[in-house]
C-alpha atoms as a PDB file:
ATOM      1  CA  MET A   1     -29.149-133.040  18.294  1.00  0.00           C
ATOM      2  CA  SER A   2     -25.744-131.447  18.875  1.00  0.00           C
ATOM      3  CA  THR A   3     -22.707-133.696  19.149  1.00  0.00           C
ATOM      4  CA  PRO A   4     -19.199-132.977  20.453  1.00  0.00           C
ATOM      5  CA  ARG A   5     -18.043-133.028  16.825  1.00  0.00           C
ATOM      6  CA  ASP A   6     -20.464-130.177  16.048  1.00  0.00           C
ATOM      7  CA  GLY A   7     -18.869-128.132  18.811  1.00  0.00           C
ATOM      8  CA  ILE A   8     -15.393-128.791  17.447  1.00  0.00           C
ATOM      9  CA  GLU A   9     -16.445-127.789  13.945  1.00  0.00           C
ATOM     10  CA  ARG A  10     -18.096-124.636  15.288  1.00  0.00           C
ATOM     11  CA  THR A  11     -14.894-123.768  17.161  1.00  0.00           C
ATOM     12  CA  ARG A  12     -12.837-124.306  14.021  1.00  0.00           C
ATOM     13  CA  MET A  13     -15.190-122.210  11.913  1.00  0.00           C
ATOM     14  CA  ARG A  14     -15.102-119.409  14.490  1.00  0.00           C
ATOM     15  CA  ALA A  15     -11.291-119.490  14.487  1.00  0.00           C
ATOM     16  CA  LEU A  16     -11.266-119.252  10.688  1.00  0.00           C
ATOM     17  CA  ASP A  17     -13.749-116.356  10.777  1.00  0.00           C
ATOM     18  CA  LEU A  18     -11.516-114.480  13.227  1.00  0.00           C
ATOM     19  CA  CYS A  19      -8.483-115.137  11.015  1.00  0.00           C
ATOM     20  CA  LEU A  20     -10.365-113.752   8.028  1.00  0.00           C
ATOM     21  CA  GLN A  21     -11.233-110.640  10.000  1.00  0.00           C
ATOM     22  CA  LEU A  22      -7.593-110.115  11.009  1.00  0.00           C
ATOM     23  CA  LEU A  23      -6.421-110.559   7.428  1.00  0.00           C
ATOM     24  CA  GLU A  24      -9.090-108.245   6.006  1.00  0.00           C
ATOM     25  CA  ASP A  25      -8.183-105.603   8.602  1.00  0.00           C
ATOM     26  CA  ALA A  26      -4.517-105.917   7.619  1.00  0.00           C
ATOM     27  CA  LEU A  27      -5.394-105.455   3.946  1.00  0.00           C
ATOM     28  CA  ALA A  28      -7.539-102.431   4.788  1.00  0.00           C
ATOM     29  CA  ALA A  29      -4.541-100.984   6.667  1.00  0.00           C
ATOM     30  CA  GLY A  30      -2.459-101.301   3.499  1.00  0.00           C
ATOM     31  CA  LYS A  31      -0.425-104.368   4.437  1.00  0.00           C
ATOM     32  CA  VAL A  32       0.479-106.795   1.658  1.00  0.00           C
ATOM     33  CA  ARG A  33       2.390-109.418   3.633  1.00  0.00           C
ATOM     34  CA  VAL A  34       1.901-111.114   6.975  1.00  0.00           C
ATOM     35  CA  ASP A  35       4.256-109.572   9.529  1.00  0.00           C
ATOM     36  CA  GLY A  36       5.468-111.137  12.792  1.00  0.00           C
ATOM     37  CA  PRO A  37       2.687-109.889  15.098  1.00  0.00           C
ATOM     38  CA  LEU A  38      -0.035-110.849  12.620  1.00  0.00           C
ATOM     39  CA  ALA A  39       1.520-114.294  12.087  1.00  0.00           C
ATOM     40  CA  TYR A  40       1.607-114.812  15.856  1.00  0.00           C
ATOM     41  CA  ARG A  41      -2.083-113.893  16.214  1.00  0.00           C
ATOM     42  CA  LEU A  42      -3.092-116.107  13.294  1.00  0.00           C
ATOM     43  CA  ARG A  43      -1.139-119.105  14.645  1.00  0.00           C
ATOM     44  CA  HIS A  44      -2.691-118.541  18.072  1.00  0.00           C
ATOM     45  CA  LEU A  45      -6.234-118.442  16.650  1.00  0.00           C
ATOM     46  CA  LEU A  46      -5.649-121.474  14.444  1.00  0.00           C
ATOM     47  CA  GLY A  47      -4.117-123.409  17.326  1.00  0.00           C
ATOM     48  CA  ASN A  48      -7.057-122.603  19.610  1.00  0.00           C
ATOM     49  CA  GLY A  49      -9.386-123.849  16.883  1.00  0.00           C
ATOM     50  CA  GLY A  50      -7.492-127.122  16.570  1.00  0.00           C
ATOM     51  CA  LEU A  51      -6.165-126.097  13.170  1.00  0.00           C
ATOM     52  CA  ILE A  52      -2.393-126.191  12.853  1.00  0.00           C
ATOM     53  CA  PRO A  53      -0.918-124.148  10.002  1.00  0.00           C
ATOM     54  CA  ASP A  54       1.148-126.489   7.827  1.00  0.00           C
ATOM     55  CA  HIS A  55       3.492-123.771   6.636  1.00  0.00           C
ATOM     56  CA  ARG A  56       5.100-120.586   7.808  1.00  0.00           C
ATOM     57  CA  LEU A  57       2.767-117.584   7.804  1.00  0.00           C
ATOM     58  CA  GLU A  58       5.222-114.745   8.335  1.00  0.00           C
ATOM     59  CA  GLY A  59       6.272-113.115   5.077  1.00  0.00           C
ATOM     60  CA  ARG A  60       3.501-114.705   3.024  1.00  0.00           C
ATOM     61  CA  ARG A  61       1.234-112.542   0.911  1.00  0.00           C
ATOM     62  CA  ILE A  62      -2.013-111.848   2.727  1.00  0.00           C
ATOM     63  CA  ASP A  63      -4.107-112.716  -0.332  1.00  0.00           C
ATOM     64  CA  ARG A  64      -2.508-116.196  -0.418  1.00  0.00           C
ATOM     65  CA  VAL A  65      -3.223-116.749   3.265  1.00  0.00           C
ATOM     66  CA  LEU A  66      -6.827-115.642   2.660  1.00  0.00           C
ATOM     67  CA  ASP A  67      -7.083-118.278  -0.074  1.00  0.00           C
ATOM     68  CA  ASP A  68      -5.839-120.917   2.381  1.00  0.00           C
ATOM     69  CA  ILE A  69      -8.383-119.852   5.015  1.00  0.00           C
ATOM     70  CA  PHE A  70     -11.211-119.943   2.457  1.00  0.00           C
ATOM     71  CA  GLU A  71     -10.096-123.435   1.430  1.00  0.00           C
ATOM     72  CA  LEU A  72     -10.132-124.619   5.049  1.00  0.00           C
ATOM     73  CA  GLN A  73     -13.637-123.197   5.454  1.00  0.00           C
ATOM     74  CA  ALA A  74     -14.799-124.986   2.315  1.00  0.00           C
ATOM     75  CA  GLN A  75     -13.374-128.248   3.631  1.00  0.00           C
ATOM     76  CA  LEU A  76     -15.199-127.816   6.936  1.00  0.00           C
ATOM     77  CA  LEU A  77     -18.438-126.932   5.177  1.00  0.00           C
ATOM     78  CA  GLY A  78     -17.977-129.921   2.904  1.00  0.00           C
ATOM     79  CA  GLN A  79     -17.744-132.154   5.956  1.00  0.00           C
ATOM     80  CA  ASP A  80     -20.991-130.642   7.249  1.00  0.00           C
ATOM     81  CA  ASP A  81     -22.673-131.212   3.875  1.00  0.00           C
ATOM     82  CA  GLN A  82     -21.495-134.840   3.767  1.00  0.00           C
ATOM     83  CA  ARG A  83     -22.802-135.484   7.278  1.00  0.00           C
ATOM     84  CA  ALA A  84     -26.170-133.909   6.430  1.00  0.00           C
ATOM     85  CA  VAL A  85     -26.564-136.280   3.482  1.00  0.00           C
ATOM     86  CA  SER A  86     -25.720-139.360   5.572  1.00  0.00           C
END
């Protein structure tokens, strides 16, 4: 049975997936750091997913931001795993 919490987690996971896609596209285009337009798009996606970035994105290395996104995904998946066990 699906709960409102499941919907929220799905929305957050989708936002993180879209952020990963943006970051991977930026890397493929040869970018090393997050520029203003990319930071704006990432903040917008994270905000829509209910995830507020706790630090400034602009100027950060893309690989570091990717690490942060992967960590957020792992935390969300960990919550799912804990709920499945309960």
